[in-house]
Amino acid sequence: MLAAARTRLDRVGPTEAALLLADGARLVDIRPGWQREQEGEFAEALVIERNHLEWRLDPTSDARIPEAVDDDQVWIVACSEGYTSSLAAASLQELGLHRATDLDGGFRAWKASGLPVR
C-alpha cells in the first residue's frame, strides 16, 4: 500500500520543502499531540491530526480550513518519519488535491536538517 501510494507522489526532502513553503506551499503536521510533545513541532505548520485531514483540506467541505481554497494548492503532509504522511498525501490526491505530497523523512529529517522547530 505504501509503495503504491508513493508512486503517485513527488516526495520532497526538508530543503526542497522549505523552498516550496517560501513559494506558497502549506506544511501540514498530521502527528498526534503526544508525538508533537515528545519530538517537538515545526516552527510553521498547520496542525491537522490524521483523522481530520481530508475533510479539513477538501475545498468542497463545509468543515474546510480557510487555506483550503482550491485543488491547486500545494500541500506538504508531514508525520514523524514519512510513512503515514505518504498514505495521507495519496488520499488527498484521491480527493482531487493533485499537488499534495509528503515530507520525505518527516519531522525527524526536518529537525536533523537544522530547519526551524519549536
C-alpha atoms as a PDB file:
ATOM      1  CA  MET A   1       0.000   0.000   0.000  1.00  0.00           C
ATOM      2  CA  LEU A   2       2.809   2.384   0.927  1.00  0.00           C
ATOM      3  CA  ALA A   3       4.773   1.640  -2.235  1.00  0.00           C
ATOM      4  CA  ALA A   4       1.668   2.178  -4.369  1.00  0.00           C
ATOM      5  CA  ALA A   5       0.937   5.494  -2.676  1.00  0.00           C
ATOM      6  CA  ARG A   6       4.472   6.707  -3.207  1.00  0.00           C
ATOM      7  CA  THR A   7       4.399   6.000  -6.948  1.00  0.00           C
ATOM      8  CA  ARG A   8       1.915   8.864  -7.266  1.00  0.00           C
ATOM      9  CA  LEU A   9       3.823  11.353  -5.095  1.00  0.00           C
ATOM     10  CA  ASP A  10       6.620  13.740  -5.907  1.00  0.00           C
ATOM     11  CA  ARG A  11       8.048  13.463  -2.386  1.00  0.00           C
ATOM     12  CA  VAL A  12      10.178  16.337  -1.116  1.00  0.00           C
ATOM     13  CA  GLY A  13      13.031  16.414   1.346  1.00  0.00           C
ATOM     14  CA  PRO A  14      13.365  19.080   4.024  1.00  0.00           C
ATOM     15  CA  THR A  15      15.378  21.586   1.966  1.00  0.00           C
ATOM     16  CA  GLU A  16      13.043  21.386  -1.030  1.00  0.00           C
ATOM     17  CA  ALA A  17      10.024  21.590   1.276  1.00  0.00           C
ATOM     18  CA  ALA A  18      11.379  24.781   2.854  1.00  0.00           C
ATOM     19  CA  LEU A  19      11.780  26.308  -0.613  1.00  0.00           C
ATOM     20  CA  LEU A  20       8.246  25.313  -1.569  1.00  0.00           C
ATOM     21  CA  LEU A  21       6.897  26.836   1.648  1.00  0.00           C
ATOM     22  CA  ALA A  22       8.618  30.109   0.804  1.00  0.00           C
ATOM     23  CA  ASP A  23       6.799  29.938  -2.558  1.00  0.00           C
ATOM     24  CA  GLY A  24       3.312  29.463  -1.041  1.00  0.00           C
ATOM     25  CA  ALA A  25       3.047  25.761  -0.274  1.00  0.00           C
ATOM     26  CA  ARG A  26       1.446  24.735   3.035  1.00  0.00           C
ATOM     27  CA  LEU A  27       3.002  22.317   5.501  1.00  0.00           C
ATOM     28  CA  VAL A  28       0.536  20.154   7.417  1.00  0.00           C
ATOM     29  CA  ASP A  29       1.649  18.281  10.530  1.00  0.00           C
ATOM     30  CA  ILE A  30      -0.585  15.223  10.983  1.00  0.00           C
ATOM     31  CA  ARG A  31       1.130  13.809  14.077  1.00  0.00           C
ATOM     32  CA  PRO A  32      -0.972  13.311  17.202  1.00  0.00           C
ATOM     33  CA  GLY A  33      -0.470  15.681  20.118  1.00  0.00           C
ATOM     34  CA  TRP A  34       1.565  13.248  22.215  1.00  0.00           C
ATOM     35  CA  GLN A  35       4.049  12.846  19.374  1.00  0.00           C
ATOM     36  CA  ARG A  36       4.410  16.585  18.838  1.00  0.00           C
ATOM     37  CA  GLU A  37       5.038  16.942  22.593  1.00  0.00           C
ATOM     38  CA  GLN A  38       7.763  14.277  22.545  1.00  0.00           C
ATOM     39  CA  GLU A  39       9.534  15.252  19.332  1.00  0.00           C
ATOM     40  CA  GLY A  40       8.894  18.966  19.005  1.00  0.00           C
ATOM     41  CA  GLU A  41       6.948  20.952  16.442  1.00  0.00           C
ATOM     42  CA  PHE A  42       7.571  22.607  13.129  1.00  0.00           C
ATOM     43  CA  ALA A  43       8.039  26.354  13.593  1.00  0.00           C
ATOM     44  CA  GLU A  44       5.400  26.988  10.930  1.00  0.00           C
ATOM     45  CA  ALA A  45       2.898  24.276  10.088  1.00  0.00           C
ATOM     46  CA  LEU A  46      -0.825  23.783  10.177  1.00  0.00           C
ATOM     47  CA  VAL A  47      -1.630  21.098  12.715  1.00  0.00           C
ATOM     48  CA  ILE A  48      -4.374  18.803  11.466  1.00  0.00           C
ATOM     49  CA  GLU A  49      -4.259  15.373  13.003  1.00  0.00           C
ATOM     50  CA  ARG A  50      -4.552  12.491  10.557  1.00  0.00           C
ATOM     51  CA  ASN A  51      -8.148  11.566  11.308  1.00  0.00           C
ATOM     52  CA  HIS A  52      -9.336  15.071  10.338  1.00  0.00           C
ATOM     53  CA  LEU A  53      -7.172  15.668   7.288  1.00  0.00           C
ATOM     54  CA  GLU A  54      -9.426  15.002   4.292  1.00  0.00           C
ATOM     55  CA  TRP A  55     -12.483  16.920   5.399  1.00  0.00           C
ATOM     56  CA  ARG A  56     -10.386  19.871   6.630  1.00  0.00           C
ATOM     57  CA  LEU A  57      -8.428  20.252   3.345  1.00  0.00           C
ATOM     58  CA  ASP A  58     -11.188  19.419   0.856  1.00  0.00           C
ATOM     59  CA  PRO A  59     -12.190  22.754  -0.728  1.00  0.00           C
ATOM     60  CA  THR A  60     -15.761  21.464  -1.140  1.00  0.00           C
ATOM     61  CA  SER A  61     -16.184  20.540   2.532  1.00  0.00           C
ATOM     62  CA  ASP A  62     -18.257  22.681   4.866  1.00  0.00           C
ATOM     63  CA  ALA A  63     -15.629  21.924   7.535  1.00  0.00           C
ATOM     64  CA  ARG A  64     -12.591  23.005   5.490  1.00  0.00           C
ATOM     65  CA  ILE A  65      -9.947  25.320   6.889  1.00  0.00           C
ATOM     66  CA  PRO A  66      -9.692  28.824   5.354  1.00  0.00           C
ATOM     67  CA  GLU A  67      -6.486  27.877   3.497  1.00  0.00           C
ATOM     68  CA  ALA A  68      -8.270  25.091   1.579  1.00  0.00           C
ATOM     69  CA  VAL A  69      -9.493  27.251  -1.273  1.00  0.00           C
ATOM     70  CA  ASP A  70      -8.893  25.136  -4.374  1.00  0.00           C
ATOM     71  CA  ASP A  71      -7.428  21.952  -5.816  1.00  0.00           C
ATOM     72  CA  ASP A  72      -4.256  23.719  -6.960  1.00  0.00           C
ATOM     73  CA  GLN A  73      -2.785  24.413  -3.506  1.00  0.00           C
ATOM     74  CA  VAL A  74       0.499  22.627  -2.758  1.00  0.00           C
ATOM     75  CA  TRP A  75       0.084  20.625   0.453  1.00  0.00           C
ATOM     76  CA  ILE A  76       3.133  19.014   2.059  1.00  0.00           C
ATOM     77  CA  VAL A  77       1.982  16.463   4.596  1.00  0.00           C
ATOM     78  CA  ALA A  78       4.350  15.582   7.431  1.00  0.00           C
ATOM     79  CA  CYS A  79       4.405  12.912  10.096  1.00  0.00           C
ATOM     80  CA  SER A  80       7.258  11.716  12.281  1.00  0.00           C
ATOM     81  CA  GLU A  81       9.295   9.741   9.732  1.00  0.00           C
ATOM     82  CA  GLY A  82       7.454   9.947   6.411  1.00  0.00           C
ATOM     83  CA  TYR A  83       5.343   6.797   6.308  1.00  0.00           C
ATOM     84  CA  THR A  84       1.857   7.834   7.411  1.00  0.00           C
ATOM     85  CA  SER A  85       2.295  11.090   5.508  1.00  0.00           C
ATOM     86  CA  SER A  86       2.730   9.214   2.214  1.00  0.00           C
ATOM     87  CA  LEU A  87      -0.583   7.423   2.689  1.00  0.00           C
ATOM     88  CA  ALA A  88      -2.273  10.665   3.741  1.00  0.00           C
ATOM     89  CA  ALA A  89      -0.927  12.631   0.762  1.00  0.00           C
ATOM     90  CA  ALA A  90      -2.117   9.900  -1.625  1.00  0.00           C
ATOM     91  CA  SER A  91      -5.555  10.134  -0.023  1.00  0.00           C
ATOM     92  CA  LEU A  92      -5.568  13.891  -0.630  1.00  0.00           C
ATOM     93  CA  GLN A  93      -4.714  13.276  -4.259  1.00  0.00           C
ATOM     94  CA  GLU A  94      -7.717  10.942  -4.482  1.00  0.00           C
ATOM     95  CA  LEU A  95      -9.846  13.900  -3.349  1.00  0.00           C
ATOM     96  CA  GLY A  96      -8.516  15.881  -6.305  1.00  0.00           C
ATOM     97  CA  LEU A  97      -5.765  17.785  -4.499  1.00  0.00           C
ATOM     98  CA  HIS A  98      -3.348  16.867  -7.271  1.00  0.00           C
ATOM     99  CA  ARG A  99      -0.383  18.819  -5.870  1.00  0.00           C
ATOM    100  CA  ALA A 100      -0.409  17.091  -2.473  1.00  0.00           C
ATOM    101  CA  THR A 101       2.804  15.365  -1.469  1.00  0.00           C
ATOM    102  CA  ASP A 102       4.684  14.494   1.680  1.00  0.00           C
ATOM    103  CA  LEU A 103       7.883  15.271   3.526  1.00  0.00           C
ATOM    104  CA  ASP A 104      10.408  12.507   2.977  1.00  0.00           C
ATOM    105  CA  GLY A 105      11.789  11.610   6.398  1.00  0.00           C
ATOM    106  CA  GLY A 106       9.121  13.599   8.229  1.00  0.00           C
ATOM    107  CA  PHE A 107       9.692  15.821  11.229  1.00  0.00           C
ATOM    108  CA  ARG A 108      12.822  13.936  12.213  1.00  0.00           C
ATOM    109  CA  ALA A 109      14.516  14.700   8.874  1.00  0.00           C
ATOM    110  CA  TRP A 110      13.353  18.336   9.056  1.00  0.00           C
ATOM    111  CA  LYS A 111      14.843  18.742  12.530  1.00  0.00           C
ATOM    112  CA  ALA A 112      18.067  16.934  11.584  1.00  0.00           C
ATOM    113  CA  SER A 113      18.438  19.353   8.649  1.00  0.00           C
ATOM    114  CA  GLY A 114      18.529  22.256  11.082  1.00  0.00           C
ATOM    115  CA  LEU A 115      15.296  23.807   9.850  1.00  0.00           C
ATOM    116  CA  PRO A 116      13.153  25.804  12.332  1.00  0.00           C
ATOM    117  CA  VAL A 117      11.381  23.850  15.062  1.00  0.00           C
ATOM    118  CA  ARG A 118       9.802  24.636  18.441  1.00  0.00           C
END
